[in-house]
Protein backbone atom coordinates (compact mmCIF):
# COMPACT_ATOMS: atom_id res chain seq x y z
CA UNK A 1 37.35 -0.54 14.16
CA UNK A 2 40.65 0.16 12.47
CA UNK A 3 38.95 0.31 9.08
CA UNK A 4 36.32 2.70 10.45
CA UNK A 5 38.98 4.95 11.97
CA UNK A 6 40.92 4.94 8.68
CA UNK A 7 37.80 5.94 6.75
CA UNK A 8 37.16 8.79 9.21
CA UNK A 9 40.70 10.01 8.85
CA UNK A 10 40.46 9.96 5.04
CA UNK A 11 37.21 11.94 5.14
CA UNK A 12 38.71 14.55 7.45
CA UNK A 13 41.91 14.73 5.36
CA UNK A 14 39.72 15.50 2.32
CA UNK A 15 37.98 18.36 4.14
CA UNK A 16 34.75 16.61 5.16
CA UNK A 17 33.13 17.31 8.52
CA UNK A 18 32.03 13.87 9.76
CA UNK A 19 29.64 15.24 12.39
CA UNK A 20 27.93 17.45 9.78
CA UNK A 21 27.60 14.49 7.43
CA UNK A 22 26.08 12.35 10.16
CA UNK A 23 23.65 15.14 11.08
CA UNK A 24 22.46 15.16 7.46
CA UNK A 25 21.14 11.62 7.79
CA UNK A 26 18.37 12.84 10.10
CA UNK A 27 17.42 15.55 7.63
CA UNK A 28 17.28 12.96 4.84
CA UNK A 29 15.19 10.61 7.01
CA UNK A 30 12.73 13.42 7.82
CA UNK A 31 12.48 14.41 4.14
CA UNK A 32 11.78 10.80 3.17
CA UNK A 33 9.10 10.50 5.84
CA UNK A 34 7.48 13.73 4.66
CA UNK A 35 7.54 12.46 1.06
CA UNK A 36 5.53 9.35 1.99
CA UNK A 37 2.78 11.41 3.60
CA UNK A 38 2.59 14.38 1.23
CA UNK A 39 -0.36 14.61 -1.12
CA UNK A 40 -1.16 16.55 -4.27
CA UNK A 41 -3.61 19.34 -3.44
CA UNK A 42 -4.71 19.45 -7.10
CA UNK A 43 -6.44 16.10 -6.55
CA UNK A 44 -8.69 17.35 -3.75
CA UNK A 45 -12.31 16.61 -4.69
CA UNK A 46 -11.22 15.26 -8.07
CA UNK A 47 -13.44 12.71 -9.78
CA UNK A 48 -11.15 9.76 -10.47
CA UNK A 49 -11.17 6.17 -11.70
CA UNK A 50 -8.30 4.16 -10.17
CA UNK A 51 -7.32 0.53 -10.73
CA UNK A 52 -6.06 -1.62 -7.89
CA UNK A 53 -6.99 -4.35 -5.44
CA UNK A 54 -9.58 -3.85 -2.68
CA UNK A 55 -8.76 -5.05 0.83
CA UNK A 56 -12.00 -5.27 2.90
CA UNK A 57 -11.79 -3.38 6.20
CA UNK A 58 -15.21 -3.64 7.84
CA UNK A 59 -17.38 -0.55 8.12
CA UNK A 60 -17.18 3.00 9.41
CA UNK A 61 -19.15 4.45 12.34
CA UNK A 62 -22.15 5.09 10.05
CA UNK A 63 -22.14 1.45 8.89
CA UNK A 64 -20.83 2.13 5.36
CA UNK A 65 -18.45 -0.56 4.06
CA UNK A 66 -14.77 0.41 4.05
CA UNK A 67 -11.91 -1.05 2.03
CA UNK A 68 -8.38 -0.08 1.06
CA UNK A 69 -7.23 0.20 -2.54
CA UNK A 70 -3.67 -1.02 -3.10
CA UNK A 71 -1.70 -1.01 -6.37
CA UNK A 72 -0.41 -4.61 -6.27
CA UNK A 73 -1.98 -7.96 -5.53
CA UNK A 74 -0.91 -9.37 -2.15
CA UNK A 75 -0.11 -6.02 -0.54
CA UNK A 76 -0.98 -5.82 3.15
CA UNK A 77 -1.15 -9.59 3.54
CA UNK A 78 1.89 -11.06 1.80
CA UNK A 79 3.89 -7.83 1.58
CA UNK A 80 3.76 -4.48 3.39
CA UNK A 81 1.16 -1.83 2.53
CA UNK A 82 2.21 0.95 0.16
CA UNK A 83 3.31 4.34 1.52
CA UNK A 84 0.48 6.38 3.08
CA UNK A 85 0.18 8.69 0.07
CA UNK A 86 -0.35 5.66 -2.21
CA UNK A 87 -2.80 3.78 0.01
CA UNK A 88 -6.41 4.86 -0.55
CA UNK A 89 -9.12 4.31 2.03
CA UNK A 90 -12.34 3.66 0.12
CA UNK A 91 -15.79 4.36 1.48
CA UNK A 92 -18.25 2.24 -0.46
CA UNK A 93 -21.90 3.12 -0.95
CA UNK A 94 -22.69 -0.60 -0.75
CA UNK A 95 -20.63 -3.79 -0.37
CA UNK A 96 -18.26 -4.36 -3.28
CA UNK A 97 -19.56 -6.71 -5.97
CA UNK A 98 -15.99 -8.10 -6.12
CA UNK A 99 -15.67 -10.52 -3.21
CA UNK A 100 -11.93 -11.25 -3.39
CA UNK A 101 -8.84 -9.03 -3.01
CA UNK A 102 -7.19 -10.98 -5.85
CA UNK A 103 -9.18 -9.43 -8.68
CA UNK A 104 -8.13 -6.06 -10.05
CA UNK A 105 -10.93 -3.52 -9.81
CA UNK A 106 -11.57 -0.01 -11.02
CA UNK A 107 -13.00 2.29 -8.36
CA UNK A 108 -14.59 5.56 -9.45
CA UNK A 109 -15.58 8.43 -7.22
CA UNK A 110 -14.47 11.61 -5.49
CA UNK A 111 -10.98 11.74 -3.96
CA UNK A 112 -10.25 13.70 -0.79
CA UNK A 113 -7.17 14.31 1.30
CA UNK A 114 -8.07 12.71 4.60
CA UNK A 115 -5.58 10.94 6.83
CA UNK A 116 -6.60 7.70 8.52
CA UNK A 117 -4.75 5.21 10.65
CA UNK A 118 -6.29 1.87 11.53
CA UNK A 119 -5.17 -1.67 12.10
CA UNK A 120 -7.10 -4.33 10.23
CA UNK A 121 -6.94 -8.10 10.11
CA UNK A 122 -5.74 -9.61 6.81
CA UNK A 123 -4.92 -13.21 5.95
CA UNK A 124 -1.44 -13.04 7.50
CA UNK A 125 -2.52 -11.23 10.69
CA UNK A 126 -2.99 -7.62 11.68
CA UNK A 127 -1.68 -4.82 9.47
CA UNK A 128 -1.50 -1.09 10.10
CA UNK A 129 -3.19 0.86 7.31
CA UNK A 130 -1.95 4.44 7.27
CA UNK A 131 -3.59 6.37 4.43
CA UNK A 132 -3.60 10.00 3.35
CA UNK A 133 -6.56 9.65 0.94
CA UNK A 134 -10.28 8.87 1.11
CA UNK A 135 -12.15 7.86 -2.04
CA UNK A 136 -15.93 8.09 -1.81
CA UNK A 137 -16.69 5.34 -4.27
CA UNK A 138 -19.58 5.60 -6.67
CA UNK A 139 -18.75 2.47 -8.66
CA UNK A 140 -16.58 -0.62 -8.28
CA UNK A 141 -16.13 -2.87 -11.31
CA UNK A 142 -13.69 -5.57 -12.35
CA UNK A 143 -10.88 -3.93 -14.32
CA UNK A 144 -10.42 -5.16 -17.86
CA UNK A 145 -7.67 -4.80 -20.41
CA UNK A 146 -4.86 -4.30 -17.90
CA UNK A 147 -1.44 -5.83 -18.25
CA UNK A 148 -1.58 -6.83 -14.58
CA UNK A 149 -4.25 -9.42 -15.39
CA UNK A 150 -1.62 -11.79 -16.81
CA UNK A 151 0.60 -11.44 -13.73
CA UNK A 152 -2.42 -11.82 -11.48
CA UNK A 153 -3.51 -15.02 -13.23
CA UNK A 154 0.03 -16.43 -12.91
CA UNK A 155 0.11 -15.49 -9.21
CA UNK A 156 -3.30 -17.08 -8.61
CA UNK A 157 -2.21 -20.24 -10.43
CA UNK A 158 0.93 -20.51 -8.26
CA UNK A 159 -1.16 -20.16 -5.10
CA UNK A 160 -3.74 -22.67 -6.38
CA UNK A 161 -1.04 -25.24 -7.24
CA UNK A 162 0.56 -24.84 -3.78
CA UNK A 163 -2.82 -25.40 -2.11
CA UNK A 164 -3.48 -28.51 -4.21
CA UNK A 165 0.04 -29.77 -3.50
CA UNK A 166 -0.46 -29.35 0.26
CA UNK A 167 -3.85 -31.07 0.12
CA UNK A 168 -2.45 -34.03 -1.83
CA UNK A 169 0.29 -34.54 0.75
CA UNK A 170 -2.07 -34.04 3.70
CA UNK A 171 -0.26 -30.90 4.90
CA UNK A 172 -3.17 -28.46 4.77
């Protein structure tokens, strides 16, 4: 407490208004929150092709398959989802030909600003998926020629070796 009081005194002695500085933290927090949910209006209805990893999320009210496109393998299950303006809800015309979220895909279609908020079940439990984008997918194909493929293969190999290790010791 003495150290805190001394710091406050030094700030005041140097002409800083402590209450004004503390009030700024809420402004900064609000600006950061707004930054995670802001979108680029220039991308509305843009035809795009985006690489990432598809997380299956059931179907919408009309029965069309839904997934989420994330930029890194393991997001939403082994690490938190990306910010809402980087998480893309994907409406598929038909079930994805890629049956695992561990293979990088390229999804092509029309991008729209459309907020969604749903909780889905992933391998580690339930995860809230807050997205600011909807991609009406026309095609989903395995991505090729990306530098992430090497990292993905290394990650898959680590997981595979851990599974084999657990099975060999009877801890599965």
